[in-house]
Amino acid sequence: MTTGSSQHRRIRGLAAAGVAMGLLAGCATDVRGEAAAATTLHDWRNATYSVTCDGIVPDGFPATLTDGAAWVSADPSRPPYYDHYEIGFETSASGDVDGDGDRDVVVLLQCSPQPSNGILEEAQVFTADGDRLGVLPSPRMLREESILAPLYDPAGLTVEGGDIVAAMTAYGPEDSHASGPSVPITVRWHWDGRQFVRVE
């Protein structure tokens, strides 16, 4: 698994090559929460997403990824007082999530608000026709003994038997933000027709 710092450097490098967006995060309008790809509907590395940066911007803002990365301006005079957001595509997984027989897609995105050294993750789920079905609950809901949220293992994101199965790494009692998490966990989510609920 790539460490947070190296993943952050990778996204910064991709974002530098991407198209800078002149959008204010706090002023975005007409965000429908759909993924419209720049080339084809299912080119998830080149698509526009409505991103909340794992809840930091509750109303969301549009981020158009180019080759898997986006750099989106923020309004530094308004909460949460960041200059910009660096968005990166981590991975995707497909399978029938909503039970209609078609293959849906789970897209794992990474968001780094700047200036900061933080990396946040957001998993969005899209139907076969590209409409957003929903967003998986925040990893922050999975904190147990740690104040830090677990991190996804991109290689371990799958759809199995209609459920979204996410391999993650949680922070143990001896772990720190600098060292990173070390406890492997697996979280399973099921779509109940309205929202994603955790399968114990």
N, C-alpha and C. Protein backbone atom coordinates (compact mmCIF):
# COMPACT_ATOMS: atom_id res chain seq x y z
N MET A 1 0.85 -1.19 0.00
CA MET A 1 0.00 0.00 0.00
C MET A 1 0.88 1.24 0.00
N THR A 2 0.50 2.22 -0.80
CA THR A 2 1.28 3.44 -0.86
C THR A 2 1.04 4.25 0.39
N THR A 3 2.09 4.83 0.95
CA THR A 3 1.94 5.63 2.16
C THR A 3 1.24 6.93 1.83
N GLY A 4 0.70 7.58 2.89
CA GLY A 4 -0.01 8.83 2.69
C GLY A 4 0.86 9.89 2.05
N SER A 5 2.13 10.01 2.50
CA SER A 5 2.99 11.06 1.98
C SER A 5 3.34 10.82 0.53
N SER A 6 3.65 9.58 0.15
CA SER A 6 4.00 9.32 -1.23
C SER A 6 2.77 9.43 -2.12
N GLN A 7 1.60 9.01 -1.60
CA GLN A 7 0.37 9.16 -2.36
C GLN A 7 0.09 10.63 -2.58
N HIS A 8 0.35 11.45 -1.57
CA HIS A 8 0.14 12.88 -1.67
C HIS A 8 1.06 13.48 -2.73
N ARG A 9 2.34 13.05 -2.75
CA ARG A 9 3.26 13.56 -3.77
C ARG A 9 2.82 13.14 -5.15
N ARG A 10 2.30 11.92 -5.29
CA ARG A 10 1.85 11.44 -6.59
C ARG A 10 0.69 12.29 -7.10
N ILE A 11 -0.25 12.59 -6.22
CA ILE A 11 -1.40 13.39 -6.64
C ILE A 11 -0.98 14.81 -6.99
N ARG A 12 -0.02 15.36 -6.20
CA ARG A 12 0.45 16.71 -6.51
C ARG A 12 1.08 16.75 -7.90
N GLY A 13 1.83 15.71 -8.23
CA GLY A 13 2.46 15.66 -9.54
C GLY A 13 1.44 15.54 -10.64
N LEU A 14 0.42 14.71 -10.43
CA LEU A 14 -0.63 14.58 -11.44
C LEU A 14 -1.42 15.88 -11.57
N ALA A 15 -1.68 16.50 -10.43
CA ALA A 15 -2.48 17.71 -10.45
C ALA A 15 -1.76 18.84 -11.17
N ALA A 16 -0.44 18.87 -11.06
CA ALA A 16 0.32 19.92 -11.72
C ALA A 16 0.17 19.82 -13.22
N ALA A 17 -0.04 18.61 -13.71
CA ALA A 17 -0.20 18.42 -15.15
C ALA A 17 -1.64 18.59 -15.59
N GLY A 18 -2.56 18.65 -14.62
CA GLY A 18 -3.98 18.73 -14.94
C GLY A 18 -4.39 20.16 -15.26
N VAL A 19 -5.67 20.29 -15.52
CA VAL A 19 -6.23 21.59 -15.83
C VAL A 19 -6.70 22.25 -14.55
N ALA A 20 -6.16 23.44 -14.24
CA ALA A 20 -6.54 24.15 -13.02
C ALA A 20 -7.97 24.65 -13.16
N MET A 21 -8.75 24.46 -12.12
CA MET A 21 -10.14 24.88 -12.16
C MET A 21 -10.28 26.20 -11.42
N GLY A 22 -10.93 27.17 -12.02
CA GLY A 22 -11.12 28.47 -11.40
C GLY A 22 -12.44 28.58 -10.69
N LEU A 23 -12.83 27.53 -9.99
CA LEU A 23 -14.12 27.49 -9.32
C LEU A 23 -13.94 27.69 -7.83
N LEU A 24 -14.82 28.44 -7.23
CA LEU A 24 -14.79 28.62 -5.78
C LEU A 24 -15.59 27.51 -5.16
N ALA A 25 -14.94 26.79 -4.23
CA ALA A 25 -15.61 25.63 -3.64
C ALA A 25 -16.89 26.04 -2.93
N GLY A 26 -16.88 27.19 -2.29
CA GLY A 26 -18.06 27.58 -1.53
C GLY A 26 -19.15 28.17 -2.39
N CYS A 27 -18.92 28.38 -3.70
CA CYS A 27 -19.88 29.06 -4.54
C CYS A 27 -20.35 28.20 -5.70
N ALA A 28 -20.10 26.92 -5.66
CA ALA A 28 -20.49 26.05 -6.77
C ALA A 28 -22.00 25.95 -6.85
N THR A 29 -22.53 25.97 -8.10
CA THR A 29 -23.96 25.84 -8.30
C THR A 29 -24.24 24.75 -9.31
N ASP A 30 -25.46 24.26 -9.33
CA ASP A 30 -25.92 23.26 -10.28
C ASP A 30 -25.06 22.01 -10.27
N VAL A 31 -24.73 21.56 -9.07
CA VAL A 31 -23.97 20.32 -8.93
C VAL A 31 -24.97 19.19 -8.75
N ARG A 32 -25.10 18.32 -9.76
CA ARG A 32 -26.12 17.28 -9.74
C ARG A 32 -25.60 15.99 -9.14
N GLY A 33 -24.31 15.85 -8.91
CA GLY A 33 -23.80 14.62 -8.35
C GLY A 33 -23.72 13.50 -9.36
N GLU A 34 -23.50 13.82 -10.64
CA GLU A 34 -23.36 12.81 -11.66
C GLU A 34 -21.95 12.85 -12.21
N ALA A 35 -21.49 11.74 -12.74
CA ALA A 35 -20.17 11.69 -13.37
C ALA A 35 -20.35 11.78 -14.86
N ALA A 36 -19.92 12.89 -15.46
CA ALA A 36 -19.97 13.04 -16.91
C ALA A 36 -18.55 12.98 -17.42
N ALA A 37 -18.20 11.93 -18.12
CA ALA A 37 -16.82 11.73 -18.55
C ALA A 37 -16.46 12.68 -19.67
N ALA A 38 -15.17 13.03 -19.73
CA ALA A 38 -14.70 13.93 -20.77
C ALA A 38 -14.68 13.25 -22.13
N THR A 39 -14.46 11.95 -22.16
CA THR A 39 -14.40 11.26 -23.44
C THR A 39 -15.55 10.28 -23.57
N THR A 40 -15.62 9.29 -22.72
CA THR A 40 -16.75 8.37 -22.70
C THR A 40 -17.32 8.35 -21.30
N LEU A 41 -18.58 7.91 -21.19
CA LEU A 41 -19.27 7.96 -19.90
C LEU A 41 -18.52 7.20 -18.82
N HIS A 42 -17.83 6.13 -19.21
CA HIS A 42 -17.21 5.28 -18.22
C HIS A 42 -15.70 5.48 -18.11
N ASP A 43 -15.20 6.59 -18.56
CA ASP A 43 -13.79 6.92 -18.37
C ASP A 43 -13.68 7.65 -17.04
N TRP A 44 -13.60 6.88 -15.97
CA TRP A 44 -13.70 7.46 -14.63
C TRP A 44 -12.50 8.28 -14.23
N ARG A 45 -11.37 8.12 -14.92
CA ARG A 45 -10.19 8.96 -14.65
C ARG A 45 -10.29 10.32 -15.31
N ASN A 46 -11.23 10.48 -16.20
CA ASN A 46 -11.45 11.75 -16.89
C ASN A 46 -12.94 12.07 -16.83
N ALA A 47 -13.37 12.47 -15.66
CA ALA A 47 -14.79 12.70 -15.41
C ALA A 47 -14.95 13.84 -14.42
N THR A 48 -16.16 14.37 -14.35
CA THR A 48 -16.47 15.43 -13.39
C THR A 48 -17.28 14.84 -12.24
N TYR A 49 -16.82 15.09 -11.03
CA TYR A 49 -17.46 14.59 -9.82
C TYR A 49 -17.89 15.76 -8.93
N SER A 50 -18.94 15.53 -8.15
CA SER A 50 -19.27 16.44 -7.07
C SER A 50 -18.61 15.89 -5.82
N VAL A 51 -17.68 16.64 -5.26
CA VAL A 51 -16.85 16.17 -4.15
C VAL A 51 -17.09 17.03 -2.92
N THR A 52 -17.18 16.39 -1.76
CA THR A 52 -17.29 17.14 -0.51
C THR A 52 -15.99 17.13 0.28
N CYS A 53 -14.98 16.43 -0.24
CA CYS A 53 -13.72 16.24 0.49
C CYS A 53 -14.01 15.60 1.85
N ASP A 54 -14.79 14.51 1.78
CA ASP A 54 -15.21 13.76 2.96
C ASP A 54 -15.91 14.66 3.99
N GLY A 55 -16.80 15.53 3.47
CA GLY A 55 -17.63 16.34 4.34
C GLY A 55 -17.09 17.70 4.71
N ILE A 56 -15.85 18.02 4.31
CA ILE A 56 -15.29 19.33 4.63
C ILE A 56 -16.10 20.45 3.98
N VAL A 57 -16.56 20.21 2.75
CA VAL A 57 -17.41 21.17 2.03
C VAL A 57 -18.77 20.48 1.85
N PRO A 58 -19.68 20.64 2.80
CA PRO A 58 -20.92 19.86 2.80
C PRO A 58 -21.74 19.97 1.51
N ASP A 59 -21.77 21.15 0.90
CA ASP A 59 -22.56 21.33 -0.32
C ASP A 59 -21.87 20.75 -1.55
N GLY A 60 -20.60 20.40 -1.41
CA GLY A 60 -19.86 19.83 -2.52
C GLY A 60 -19.38 20.87 -3.52
N PHE A 61 -18.45 20.46 -4.35
CA PHE A 61 -17.94 21.31 -5.42
C PHE A 61 -17.57 20.41 -6.60
N PRO A 62 -17.65 20.94 -7.82
CA PRO A 62 -17.32 20.12 -8.99
C PRO A 62 -15.81 20.01 -9.16
N ALA A 63 -15.36 18.81 -9.43
CA ALA A 63 -13.94 18.56 -9.70
C ALA A 63 -13.84 17.76 -10.99
N THR A 64 -13.22 18.33 -12.01
CA THR A 64 -13.05 17.66 -13.29
C THR A 64 -11.67 17.05 -13.35
N LEU A 65 -11.62 15.73 -13.33
CA LEU A 65 -10.34 15.02 -13.36
C LEU A 65 -9.82 14.91 -14.79
N THR A 66 -8.53 15.15 -14.93
CA THR A 66 -7.82 14.93 -16.19
C THR A 66 -6.68 13.98 -15.89
N ASP A 67 -6.69 12.82 -16.53
CA ASP A 67 -5.70 11.78 -16.24
C ASP A 67 -5.67 11.44 -14.75
N GLY A 68 -6.82 11.47 -14.12
CA GLY A 68 -6.92 11.04 -12.74
C GLY A 68 -6.65 12.08 -11.69
N ALA A 69 -6.55 13.36 -12.06
CA ALA A 69 -6.24 14.38 -11.06
C ALA A 69 -6.94 15.69 -11.39
N ALA A 70 -7.20 16.47 -10.33
CA ALA A 70 -7.79 17.80 -10.49
C ALA A 70 -7.26 18.72 -9.40
N TRP A 71 -7.17 19.98 -9.72
CA TRP A 71 -6.76 21.04 -8.80
C TRP A 71 -7.89 22.04 -8.80
N VAL A 72 -8.57 22.20 -7.66
CA VAL A 72 -9.77 23.03 -7.60
C VAL A 72 -9.57 24.17 -6.61
N SER A 73 -9.74 25.39 -7.09
CA SER A 73 -9.59 26.56 -6.24
C SER A 73 -10.68 26.62 -5.19
N ALA A 74 -10.34 27.17 -4.05
CA ALA A 74 -11.31 27.42 -2.97
C ALA A 74 -11.31 28.90 -2.67
N ASP A 75 -12.24 29.34 -1.86
CA ASP A 75 -12.27 30.71 -1.39
C ASP A 75 -11.61 30.75 -0.02
N PRO A 76 -10.36 31.22 0.07
CA PRO A 76 -9.64 31.18 1.35
C PRO A 76 -10.23 32.09 2.42
N SER A 77 -11.17 32.96 2.04
CA SER A 77 -11.77 33.86 3.03
C SER A 77 -13.00 33.25 3.69
N ARG A 78 -13.42 32.05 3.21
CA ARG A 78 -14.63 31.41 3.75
C ARG A 78 -14.27 30.06 4.34
N PRO A 79 -15.05 29.64 5.36
CA PRO A 79 -14.79 28.31 5.92
C PRO A 79 -14.88 27.26 4.81
N PRO A 80 -14.02 26.27 4.86
CA PRO A 80 -13.07 25.90 5.91
C PRO A 80 -11.68 26.51 5.74
N TYR A 81 -11.55 27.63 4.98
CA TYR A 81 -10.33 28.43 4.90
C TYR A 81 -9.15 27.69 4.26
N TYR A 82 -9.40 27.00 3.19
CA TYR A 82 -8.32 26.40 2.41
C TYR A 82 -8.12 27.19 1.13
N ASP A 83 -6.95 27.04 0.55
CA ASP A 83 -6.62 27.73 -0.71
C ASP A 83 -7.13 26.95 -1.91
N HIS A 84 -6.94 25.64 -1.89
CA HIS A 84 -7.40 24.80 -2.99
C HIS A 84 -7.49 23.34 -2.53
N TYR A 85 -8.06 22.51 -3.40
CA TYR A 85 -8.20 21.08 -3.13
C TYR A 85 -7.55 20.30 -4.26
N GLU A 86 -6.79 19.29 -3.89
CA GLU A 86 -6.18 18.41 -4.87
C GLU A 86 -6.93 17.08 -4.84
N ILE A 87 -7.55 16.73 -5.94
CA ILE A 87 -8.40 15.55 -6.03
C ILE A 87 -7.70 14.51 -6.90
N GLY A 88 -7.73 13.25 -6.48
CA GLY A 88 -7.09 12.19 -7.25
C GLY A 88 -7.95 10.94 -7.33
N PHE A 89 -7.92 10.29 -8.47
CA PHE A 89 -8.59 9.01 -8.66
C PHE A 89 -7.69 7.93 -8.09
N GLU A 90 -8.23 7.08 -7.20
CA GLU A 90 -7.44 5.99 -6.63
C GLU A 90 -7.70 4.67 -7.33
N THR A 91 -8.98 4.29 -7.44
CA THR A 91 -9.30 3.03 -8.09
C THR A 91 -10.81 2.99 -8.33
N SER A 92 -11.24 1.96 -9.05
CA SER A 92 -12.67 1.72 -9.23
C SER A 92 -12.92 0.22 -9.20
N ALA A 93 -14.14 -0.14 -8.88
CA ALA A 93 -14.56 -1.54 -8.87
C ALA A 93 -15.98 -1.60 -9.42
N SER A 94 -16.33 -2.70 -10.08
CA SER A 94 -17.65 -2.78 -10.69
C SER A 94 -18.37 -4.05 -10.31
N GLY A 95 -19.68 -3.98 -10.37
CA GLY A 95 -20.55 -5.11 -10.05
C GLY A 95 -21.95 -4.58 -9.82
N ASP A 96 -22.92 -5.45 -9.76
CA ASP A 96 -24.31 -5.04 -9.56
C ASP A 96 -24.54 -4.73 -8.08
N VAL A 97 -24.65 -3.44 -7.78
CA VAL A 97 -24.83 -3.00 -6.41
C VAL A 97 -26.30 -2.81 -6.06
N ASP A 98 -27.10 -2.31 -7.02
CA ASP A 98 -28.49 -1.98 -6.71
C ASP A 98 -29.48 -3.07 -7.09
N GLY A 99 -28.98 -4.20 -7.59
CA GLY A 99 -29.83 -5.35 -7.85
C GLY A 99 -30.64 -5.30 -9.13
N ASP A 100 -30.30 -4.40 -10.07
CA ASP A 100 -31.06 -4.32 -11.32
C ASP A 100 -30.47 -5.17 -12.44
N GLY A 101 -29.38 -5.89 -12.15
CA GLY A 101 -28.77 -6.75 -13.15
C GLY A 101 -27.67 -6.10 -13.95
N ASP A 102 -27.52 -4.77 -13.85
CA ASP A 102 -26.47 -4.06 -14.57
C ASP A 102 -25.28 -3.82 -13.66
N ARG A 103 -24.11 -3.64 -14.29
CA ARG A 103 -22.89 -3.43 -13.51
C ARG A 103 -22.76 -1.96 -13.11
N ASP A 104 -22.75 -1.72 -11.82
CA ASP A 104 -22.52 -0.39 -11.27
C ASP A 104 -21.03 -0.22 -11.00
N VAL A 105 -20.63 1.00 -10.68
CA VAL A 105 -19.21 1.30 -10.48
C VAL A 105 -19.00 2.03 -9.16
N VAL A 106 -18.02 1.59 -8.41
CA VAL A 106 -17.59 2.28 -7.20
C VAL A 106 -16.28 2.99 -7.53
N VAL A 107 -16.24 4.30 -7.32
CA VAL A 107 -15.04 5.09 -7.62
C VAL A 107 -14.49 5.63 -6.30
N LEU A 108 -13.23 5.31 -6.03
CA LEU A 108 -12.57 5.80 -4.83
C LEU A 108 -11.74 7.02 -5.19
N LEU A 109 -12.06 8.14 -4.54
CA LEU A 109 -11.37 9.41 -4.78
C LEU A 109 -10.62 9.82 -3.53
N GLN A 110 -9.55 10.56 -3.76
CA GLN A 110 -8.75 11.09 -2.67
C GLN A 110 -8.81 12.61 -2.74
N CYS A 111 -8.89 13.26 -1.59
CA CYS A 111 -8.93 14.72 -1.55
C CYS A 111 -7.93 15.23 -0.53
N SER A 112 -7.11 16.17 -0.96
CA SER A 112 -6.13 16.78 -0.07
C SER A 112 -6.37 18.29 -0.03
N PRO A 113 -6.97 18.80 1.06
CA PRO A 113 -7.15 20.26 1.17
C PRO A 113 -5.81 20.92 1.44
N GLN A 114 -5.58 22.05 0.78
CA GLN A 114 -4.30 22.74 0.91
C GLN A 114 -4.50 24.17 1.40
N PRO A 115 -3.61 24.65 2.28
CA PRO A 115 -2.43 23.95 2.81
C PRO A 115 -2.78 23.02 3.97
N SER A 116 -2.29 21.80 3.89
CA SER A 116 -2.39 20.82 4.96
C SER A 116 -1.58 19.61 4.55
N ASN A 117 -1.41 18.67 5.46
CA ASN A 117 -0.75 17.41 5.10
C ASN A 117 -1.75 16.26 5.19
N GLY A 118 -3.04 16.61 5.12
CA GLY A 118 -4.08 15.61 5.28
C GLY A 118 -4.54 15.01 3.97
N ILE A 119 -4.89 13.75 4.00
CA ILE A 119 -5.46 13.04 2.87
C ILE A 119 -6.81 12.47 3.31
N LEU A 120 -7.86 12.80 2.60
CA LEU A 120 -9.20 12.29 2.89
C LEU A 120 -9.66 11.44 1.72
N GLU A 121 -10.57 10.49 1.98
CA GLU A 121 -11.05 9.61 0.93
C GLU A 121 -12.57 9.61 0.88
N GLU A 122 -13.08 9.40 -0.32
CA GLU A 122 -14.51 9.46 -0.56
C GLU A 122 -14.84 8.42 -1.64
N ALA A 123 -15.72 7.49 -1.34
CA ALA A 123 -16.10 6.45 -2.30
C ALA A 123 -17.50 6.73 -2.82
N GLN A 124 -17.60 6.98 -4.12
CA GLN A 124 -18.86 7.30 -4.76
C GLN A 124 -19.30 6.12 -5.63
N VAL A 125 -20.61 5.89 -5.69
CA VAL A 125 -21.16 4.74 -6.41
C VAL A 125 -22.07 5.25 -7.52
N PHE A 126 -21.85 4.73 -8.73
CA PHE A 126 -22.59 5.16 -9.91
C PHE A 126 -23.31 3.98 -10.55
N THR A 127 -24.50 4.24 -11.06
CA THR A 127 -25.25 3.21 -11.76
C THR A 127 -24.63 2.98 -13.13
N ALA A 128 -25.13 1.98 -13.84
CA ALA A 128 -24.58 1.63 -15.14
C ALA A 128 -24.70 2.76 -16.15
N ASP A 129 -25.70 3.64 -15.99
CA ASP A 129 -25.86 4.75 -16.93
C ASP A 129 -25.13 6.01 -16.50
N GLY A 130 -24.36 5.94 -15.41
CA GLY A 130 -23.52 7.06 -15.00
C GLY A 130 -24.11 7.96 -13.95
N ASP A 131 -25.36 7.73 -13.52
CA ASP A 131 -25.95 8.55 -12.45
C ASP A 131 -25.39 8.11 -11.10
N ARG A 132 -25.18 9.08 -10.22
CA ARG A 132 -24.66 8.73 -8.91
C ARG A 132 -25.75 8.10 -8.05
N LEU A 133 -25.49 6.88 -7.59
CA LEU A 133 -26.42 6.16 -6.72
C LEU A 133 -26.30 6.66 -5.29
N GLY A 134 -25.06 6.88 -4.85
CA GLY A 134 -24.83 7.34 -3.49
C GLY A 134 -23.35 7.39 -3.18
N VAL A 135 -23.06 7.75 -1.96
CA VAL A 135 -21.68 7.84 -1.47
C VAL A 135 -21.58 6.95 -0.24
N LEU A 136 -20.51 6.16 -0.17
CA LEU A 136 -20.33 5.32 1.02
C LEU A 136 -20.14 6.20 2.25
N PRO A 137 -20.62 5.76 3.41
CA PRO A 137 -20.39 6.52 4.63
C PRO A 137 -18.91 6.83 4.84
N SER A 138 -18.66 7.97 5.44
CA SER A 138 -17.28 8.43 5.64
C SER A 138 -16.47 7.43 6.46
N PRO A 139 -15.19 7.26 6.10
CA PRO A 139 -14.31 6.43 6.94
C PRO A 139 -14.25 6.91 8.38
N ARG A 140 -14.58 8.18 8.62
CA ARG A 140 -14.57 8.70 9.99
C ARG A 140 -15.59 7.99 10.87
N MET A 141 -16.62 7.40 10.25
CA MET A 141 -17.62 6.65 11.02
C MET A 141 -17.07 5.33 11.52
N LEU A 142 -15.91 4.93 10.99
CA LEU A 142 -15.35 3.62 11.33
C LEU A 142 -14.26 3.70 12.39
N ARG A 143 -14.04 4.89 12.91
CA ARG A 143 -13.05 5.01 13.98
C ARG A 143 -13.53 4.24 15.20
N GLU A 144 -12.62 3.53 15.80
CA GLU A 144 -13.00 2.78 16.99
C GLU A 144 -12.17 3.27 18.17
N GLU A 145 -10.94 2.79 18.28
CA GLU A 145 -10.11 3.24 19.40
C GLU A 145 -9.23 4.41 19.03
N SER A 146 -9.24 4.81 17.76
CA SER A 146 -8.37 5.88 17.31
C SER A 146 -9.19 7.10 16.91
N ILE A 147 -8.60 8.28 17.03
CA ILE A 147 -9.27 9.49 16.56
C ILE A 147 -9.08 9.65 15.06
N LEU A 148 -8.20 8.84 14.47
CA LEU A 148 -7.93 8.92 13.04
C LEU A 148 -8.75 7.88 12.28
N ALA A 149 -9.25 8.28 11.13
CA ALA A 149 -10.07 7.37 10.33
C ALA A 149 -9.19 6.36 9.60
N PRO A 150 -9.68 5.16 9.37
CA PRO A 150 -8.91 4.18 8.60
C PRO A 150 -8.76 4.62 7.15
N LEU A 151 -7.81 4.02 6.45
CA LEU A 151 -7.55 4.33 5.05
C LEU A 151 -7.92 3.13 4.19
N TYR A 152 -8.44 3.42 3.00
CA TYR A 152 -8.75 2.36 2.05
C TYR A 152 -7.47 1.73 1.51
N ASP A 153 -7.54 0.44 1.23
CA ASP A 153 -6.52 -0.24 0.43
C ASP A 153 -7.11 -0.34 -0.97
N PRO A 154 -6.67 0.50 -1.91
CA PRO A 154 -7.28 0.51 -3.24
C PRO A 154 -7.33 -0.85 -3.91
N ALA A 155 -6.33 -1.69 -3.67
CA ALA A 155 -6.30 -3.01 -4.29
C ALA A 155 -7.37 -3.93 -3.73
N GLY A 156 -7.95 -3.57 -2.59
CA GLY A 156 -8.92 -4.43 -1.93
C GLY A 156 -10.34 -3.94 -2.01
N LEU A 157 -10.65 -3.09 -2.99
CA LEU A 157 -12.02 -2.61 -3.16
C LEU A 157 -12.70 -3.46 -4.23
N THR A 158 -13.78 -4.15 -3.86
CA THR A 158 -14.47 -5.05 -4.78
C THR A 158 -15.98 -4.98 -4.58
N VAL A 159 -16.71 -5.58 -5.51
CA VAL A 159 -18.14 -5.79 -5.36
C VAL A 159 -18.36 -7.29 -5.36
N GLU A 160 -18.93 -7.80 -4.26
CA GLU A 160 -19.13 -9.25 -4.10
C GLU A 160 -20.56 -9.53 -3.65
N GLY A 161 -21.27 -10.32 -4.44
CA GLY A 161 -22.63 -10.69 -4.05
C GLY A 161 -23.55 -9.50 -3.85
N GLY A 162 -23.35 -8.44 -4.60
CA GLY A 162 -24.17 -7.25 -4.48
C GLY A 162 -23.71 -6.28 -3.42
N ASP A 163 -22.73 -6.65 -2.61
CA ASP A 163 -22.20 -5.77 -1.57
C ASP A 163 -20.87 -5.17 -1.99
N ILE A 164 -20.60 -3.99 -1.49
CA ILE A 164 -19.29 -3.36 -1.70
C ILE A 164 -18.40 -3.77 -0.55
N VAL A 165 -17.27 -4.39 -0.88
CA VAL A 165 -16.34 -4.88 0.13
C VAL A 165 -15.07 -4.04 0.04
N ALA A 166 -14.70 -3.41 1.14
CA ALA A 166 -13.56 -2.52 1.17
C ALA A 166 -12.52 -3.01 2.17
N ALA A 167 -11.34 -3.35 1.66
CA ALA A 167 -10.21 -3.63 2.54
C ALA A 167 -9.65 -2.28 2.99
N MET A 168 -9.40 -2.16 4.29
CA MET A 168 -8.90 -0.90 4.84
C MET A 168 -7.82 -1.20 5.87
N THR A 169 -7.13 -0.16 6.28
CA THR A 169 -6.14 -0.28 7.34
C THR A 169 -6.47 0.74 8.41
N ALA A 170 -6.69 0.25 9.62
CA ALA A 170 -7.08 1.13 10.72
C ALA A 170 -5.88 1.44 11.62
N TYR A 171 -6.01 2.53 12.36
CA TYR A 171 -4.96 2.92 13.29
C TYR A 171 -5.10 2.13 14.59
N GLY A 172 -4.03 1.47 14.98
CA GLY A 172 -3.99 0.77 16.25
C GLY A 172 -3.56 1.68 17.37
N PRO A 173 -3.56 1.20 18.60
CA PRO A 173 -3.21 2.02 19.77
C PRO A 173 -1.81 2.62 19.69
N GLU A 174 -0.90 1.95 19.02
CA GLU A 174 0.47 2.44 18.95
C GLU A 174 0.75 3.22 17.67
N ASP A 175 -0.21 3.32 16.76
CA ASP A 175 0.00 4.01 15.49
C ASP A 175 -0.16 5.51 15.65
N SER A 176 0.43 6.24 14.72
CA SER A 176 0.31 7.69 14.70
C SER A 176 0.08 8.14 13.26
N HIS A 177 -0.25 9.41 13.10
CA HIS A 177 -0.44 9.95 11.76
C HIS A 177 0.85 9.82 10.95
N ALA A 178 1.98 10.00 11.61
CA ALA A 178 3.27 9.92 10.92
C ALA A 178 3.59 8.50 10.47
N SER A 179 3.30 7.53 11.33
CA SER A 179 3.63 6.14 10.99
C SER A 179 2.59 5.51 10.08
N GLY A 180 1.36 6.01 10.16
CA GLY A 180 0.29 5.44 9.36
C GLY A 180 -0.39 4.29 10.08
N PRO A 181 -1.53 3.83 9.57
CA PRO A 181 -2.27 2.74 10.21
C PRO A 181 -1.63 1.39 9.94
N SER A 182 -1.89 0.42 10.80
CA SER A 182 -1.25 -0.88 10.65
C SER A 182 -2.20 -2.07 10.83
N VAL A 183 -3.47 -1.80 11.18
CA VAL A 183 -4.39 -2.88 11.49
C VAL A 183 -5.32 -3.14 10.30
N PRO A 184 -5.20 -4.27 9.62
CA PRO A 184 -6.08 -4.54 8.47
C PRO A 184 -7.50 -4.85 8.92
N ILE A 185 -8.47 -4.25 8.25
CA ILE A 185 -9.88 -4.53 8.51
C ILE A 185 -10.60 -4.65 7.16
N THR A 186 -11.74 -5.28 7.17
CA THR A 186 -12.57 -5.37 5.97
C THR A 186 -13.96 -4.88 6.32
N VAL A 187 -14.46 -3.95 5.51
CA VAL A 187 -15.78 -3.36 5.77
C VAL A 187 -16.68 -3.68 4.57
N ARG A 188 -17.90 -4.12 4.86
CA ARG A 188 -18.85 -4.51 3.81
C ARG A 188 -20.06 -3.59 3.87
N TRP A 189 -20.47 -3.05 2.70
CA TRP A 189 -21.60 -2.14 2.63
C TRP A 189 -22.67 -2.72 1.71
N HIS A 190 -23.95 -2.55 2.10
CA HIS A 190 -25.07 -3.05 1.29
C HIS A 190 -26.04 -1.90 1.00
N TRP A 191 -26.49 -1.81 -0.25
CA TRP A 191 -27.46 -0.79 -0.65
C TRP A 191 -28.86 -1.30 -0.30
N ASP A 192 -29.59 -0.56 0.56
CA ASP A 192 -30.91 -1.01 1.00
C ASP A 192 -32.04 -0.36 0.22
N GLY A 193 -31.69 0.32 -0.87
CA GLY A 193 -32.68 1.02 -1.69
C GLY A 193 -32.71 2.48 -1.42
N ARG A 194 -32.14 2.92 -0.32
CA ARG A 194 -32.09 4.34 0.03
C ARG A 194 -30.70 4.82 0.40
N GLN A 195 -29.92 3.93 1.03
CA GLN A 195 -28.59 4.30 1.52
C GLN A 195 -27.75 3.06 1.68
N PHE A 196 -26.46 3.28 1.92
CA PHE A 196 -25.55 2.16 2.17
C PHE A 196 -25.48 1.90 3.67
N VAL A 197 -25.70 0.65 4.03
CA VAL A 197 -25.65 0.26 5.44
C VAL A 197 -24.55 -0.78 5.61
N ARG A 198 -23.90 -0.74 6.75
CA ARG A 198 -22.80 -1.65 7.00
C ARG A 198 -23.32 -3.05 7.32
N VAL A 199 -22.71 -4.04 6.69
CA VAL A 199 -23.05 -5.44 6.97
C VAL A 199 -22.04 -5.95 7.98
N GLU A 200 -22.50 -6.33 9.13
CA GLU A 200 -21.59 -6.78 10.19
C GLU A 200 -21.15 -8.22 9.95
